[in-house]
Amino acid sequence: MTDVIEPTATQLDVQPRGPDGHEPHGAHEDHGPTGILKWLTSTDHKVIGLSYMITSIVIFYLSGIMAMFLRLQLASPHSSLLSFSQYNSLFTMHGALMLYLFAGPFAFGGLANYIVPLQVGAPDMAFPRLNALSYWLYLTGSITMLMGFFVAGGAAQFGCSTPRSRVRPTRPVRVPTSS
């Protein structure tokens, strides 16, 4: 005959339950916030790196939409889709967003935050709170730049592309000689 041996609670690593069948107070460990609060308050380099990458990809697509409007304006010689100031604003903001808010943050903010600590075997970045602050400042600055389209003067249009009609011809400068 075969005897059935019942395992004890210590063999199964099961916490003993109270008289009402629930876990006793303090048996459940709290590991911090979850969900959106965890994302908002995280100092984990992987979460911050993913946040950088997701934000910069969203900015990449917004900048691509701007480029499509620029192409539509240039599709025909007499297109009136955009005014001169709107064209200059879109061109300036497209360039600024692609360089300052996509390329740099994606490479140095996103990929570096995510990959470098894993490559060197570090548990986290050296200053995790400063790292989280840098992402939130990047996001705030990005939103501020994009909100320029909704103010009275419009977004920046200070001349990444100066129209040829506004370029003044230069005259040769005479340098006085001493003789």
Protein backbone atom coordinates (compact mmCIF):
# COMPACT_ATOMS: atom_id res chain seq x y z
CA MET A 1 0.00 0.00 0.00
CA THR A 2 1.00 3.57 -0.70
CA ASP A 3 0.69 6.17 1.99
CA VAL A 4 -0.13 9.76 1.03
CA ILE A 5 2.10 12.27 2.76
CA GLU A 6 0.63 15.72 3.17
CA PRO A 7 3.20 18.51 2.71
CA THR A 8 3.49 20.98 5.54
CA ALA A 9 3.19 24.74 5.16
CA THR A 10 6.97 25.21 5.46
CA GLN A 11 7.63 22.79 2.60
CA LEU A 12 5.35 24.76 0.27
CA ASP A 13 6.52 28.22 1.45
CA VAL A 14 2.91 29.11 2.12
CA GLN A 15 2.25 31.87 4.60
CA PRO A 16 0.01 30.76 7.45
CA ARG A 17 -3.45 32.25 7.26
CA GLY A 18 -5.38 33.89 10.03
CA PRO A 19 -8.51 32.47 11.62
CA ASP A 20 -10.71 34.20 9.02
CA GLY A 21 -8.79 32.62 6.10
CA HIS A 22 -7.08 35.85 4.99
CA GLU A 23 -3.40 36.67 5.14
CA PRO A 24 -2.32 38.24 8.41
CA HIS A 25 -1.51 41.97 8.46
CA GLY A 26 1.97 42.72 7.15
CA ALA A 27 2.35 39.50 5.17
CA HIS A 28 1.90 41.34 1.88
CA GLU A 29 4.90 43.43 0.77
CA ASP A 30 4.23 46.79 -0.83
CA HIS A 31 6.48 47.36 -3.87
CA GLY A 32 5.52 50.96 -4.54
CA PRO A 33 3.08 52.54 -6.95
CA THR A 34 1.69 50.78 -9.99
CA GLY A 35 0.27 51.86 -13.32
CA ILE A 36 0.48 55.47 -14.44
CA LEU A 37 1.81 56.66 -11.06
CA LYS A 38 4.73 54.25 -11.41
CA TRP A 39 5.54 55.71 -14.84
CA LEU A 40 5.24 59.29 -13.57
CA THR A 41 7.50 58.74 -10.55
CA SER A 42 9.92 56.13 -11.90
CA THR A 43 13.68 56.49 -11.63
CA ASP A 44 14.29 53.20 -13.45
CA HIS A 45 16.62 53.73 -16.40
CA LYS A 46 14.57 51.43 -18.65
CA VAL A 47 11.32 53.30 -18.01
CA ILE A 48 13.02 56.65 -18.57
CA GLY A 49 14.73 55.39 -21.73
CA LEU A 50 11.44 54.10 -23.13
CA SER A 51 9.78 57.41 -22.26
CA TYR A 52 12.47 59.28 -24.17
CA MET A 53 12.12 56.98 -27.18
CA ILE A 54 8.30 57.10 -27.28
CA THR A 55 8.22 60.89 -26.91
CA SER A 56 10.87 61.41 -29.57
CA ILE A 57 9.07 59.09 -32.01
CA VAL A 58 5.85 61.07 -31.50
CA ILE A 59 7.82 64.26 -32.25
CA PHE A 60 9.32 62.53 -35.30
CA TYR A 61 5.85 61.90 -36.70
CA LEU A 62 4.69 65.45 -35.93
CA SER A 63 7.75 66.78 -37.71
CA GLY A 64 7.03 64.45 -40.63
CA ILE A 65 3.53 65.90 -40.91
CA MET A 66 5.11 69.35 -41.08
CA ALA A 67 7.39 68.13 -43.87
CA MET A 68 4.38 66.84 -45.77
CA PHE A 69 2.76 70.29 -45.63
CA LEU A 70 5.99 71.81 -46.92
CA ARG A 71 6.03 69.32 -49.81
CA LEU A 72 2.38 70.05 -50.61
CA GLN A 73 3.18 73.77 -50.77
CA LEU A 74 6.06 73.11 -53.16
CA ALA A 75 4.07 70.67 -55.31
CA SER A 76 2.89 73.39 -57.67
CA PRO A 77 4.45 76.77 -58.47
CA HIS A 78 1.40 78.83 -57.52
CA SER A 79 0.16 76.89 -54.50
CA SER A 80 -1.60 78.91 -51.83
CA LEU A 81 -1.78 76.22 -49.15
CA LEU A 82 0.57 78.11 -46.82
CA SER A 83 1.42 81.79 -46.46
CA PHE A 84 5.05 82.92 -46.41
CA SER A 85 5.11 83.19 -42.63
CA GLN A 86 3.41 79.79 -42.20
CA TYR A 87 5.91 78.21 -44.57
CA ASN A 88 8.83 79.75 -42.67
CA SER A 89 7.35 78.65 -39.35
CA LEU A 90 6.86 75.08 -40.53
CA PHE A 91 10.33 74.92 -42.06
CA THR A 92 12.03 76.31 -38.96
CA MET A 93 10.07 74.13 -36.55
CA HIS A 94 10.53 71.03 -38.71
CA GLY A 95 14.29 71.45 -38.60
CA ALA A 96 14.39 72.29 -34.90
CA LEU A 97 12.15 69.37 -33.94
CA MET A 98 14.09 66.87 -36.00
CA LEU A 99 17.48 67.94 -34.68
CA TYR A 100 16.84 69.01 -31.10
CA LEU A 101 13.81 66.99 -30.11
CA PHE A 102 14.18 63.77 -32.11
CA ALA A 103 17.73 62.85 -33.13
CA GLY A 104 19.57 63.84 -29.96
CA PRO A 105 17.01 62.68 -27.40
CA PHE A 106 16.36 59.39 -29.20
CA ALA A 107 20.03 58.49 -29.39
CA PHE A 108 21.47 60.03 -26.23
CA GLY A 109 18.37 60.07 -24.05
CA GLY A 110 16.50 56.95 -25.08
CA LEU A 111 18.97 54.39 -26.35
CA ALA A 112 21.78 55.41 -24.01
CA ASN A 113 19.50 55.36 -20.94
CA TYR A 114 18.14 51.97 -21.85
CA ILE A 115 21.23 50.17 -23.15
CA VAL A 116 24.36 51.53 -21.43
CA PRO A 117 23.53 50.42 -17.85
CA LEU A 118 22.71 46.96 -19.18
CA GLN A 119 26.00 46.79 -21.09
CA VAL A 120 28.16 47.76 -18.13
CA GLY A 121 26.16 45.69 -15.64
CA ALA A 122 25.06 48.63 -13.52
CA PRO A 123 21.76 48.34 -11.66
CA ASP A 124 20.77 51.90 -12.62
CA MET A 125 22.15 55.24 -13.78
CA ALA A 126 24.46 57.21 -11.48
CA PHE A 127 21.91 59.91 -10.56
CA PRO A 128 18.47 58.40 -11.21
CA ARG A 129 16.41 61.37 -9.98
CA LEU A 130 18.42 63.79 -12.11
CA ASN A 131 17.91 61.41 -15.02
CA ALA A 132 14.13 61.46 -14.46
CA LEU A 133 14.18 65.26 -14.14
CA SER A 134 15.98 65.54 -17.47
CA TYR A 135 13.21 63.59 -19.20
CA TRP A 136 10.46 65.74 -17.66
CA LEU A 137 12.31 68.92 -18.67
CA TYR A 138 12.67 67.51 -22.21
CA LEU A 139 8.94 66.78 -22.37
CA THR A 140 8.05 70.22 -21.00
CA GLY A 141 10.36 71.94 -23.48
CA SER A 142 8.94 69.92 -26.36
CA ILE A 143 5.39 70.87 -25.46
CA THR A 144 6.44 74.51 -25.08
CA MET A 145 8.01 74.54 -28.55
CA LEU A 146 4.94 72.96 -30.12
CA MET A 147 2.58 75.34 -28.33
CA GLY A 148 4.22 78.15 -30.31
CA PHE A 149 1.84 77.30 -33.16
CA PHE A 150 -1.12 78.33 -31.01
CA VAL A 151 0.03 81.80 -29.93
CA ALA A 152 -0.76 85.05 -31.73
CA GLY A 153 2.64 85.54 -33.39
CA GLY A 154 2.93 81.93 -34.47
CA ALA A 155 5.81 79.54 -34.08
CA ALA A 156 9.44 80.48 -34.57
CA GLN A 157 10.18 81.65 -38.11
CA PHE A 158 13.54 83.27 -37.72
CA GLY A 159 15.09 81.89 -40.80
CA CYS A 160 16.28 78.40 -41.29
CA SER A 161 15.14 79.21 -44.82
CA THR A 162 15.31 82.80 -45.95
CA PRO A 163 13.22 83.41 -49.05
CA ARG A 164 15.26 84.66 -51.99
CA SER A 165 13.09 87.78 -52.25
CA ARG A 166 14.28 88.95 -48.83
CA VAL A 167 17.98 88.48 -49.49
CA ARG A 168 19.65 91.80 -50.14
CA PRO A 169 22.49 91.88 -52.61
CA THR A 170 25.78 92.70 -51.00
CA ARG A 171 28.12 95.34 -52.31
CA PRO A 172 31.84 94.96 -52.22
CA VAL A 173 33.28 96.58 -49.14
CA ARG A 174 36.20 98.92 -49.69
CA VAL A 175 38.84 98.63 -47.07
CA PRO A 176 40.89 101.81 -46.65
CA THR A 177 44.54 101.28 -47.17
CA SER A 178 47.24 103.34 -45.56
CA SER A 179 49.82 104.59 -47.98
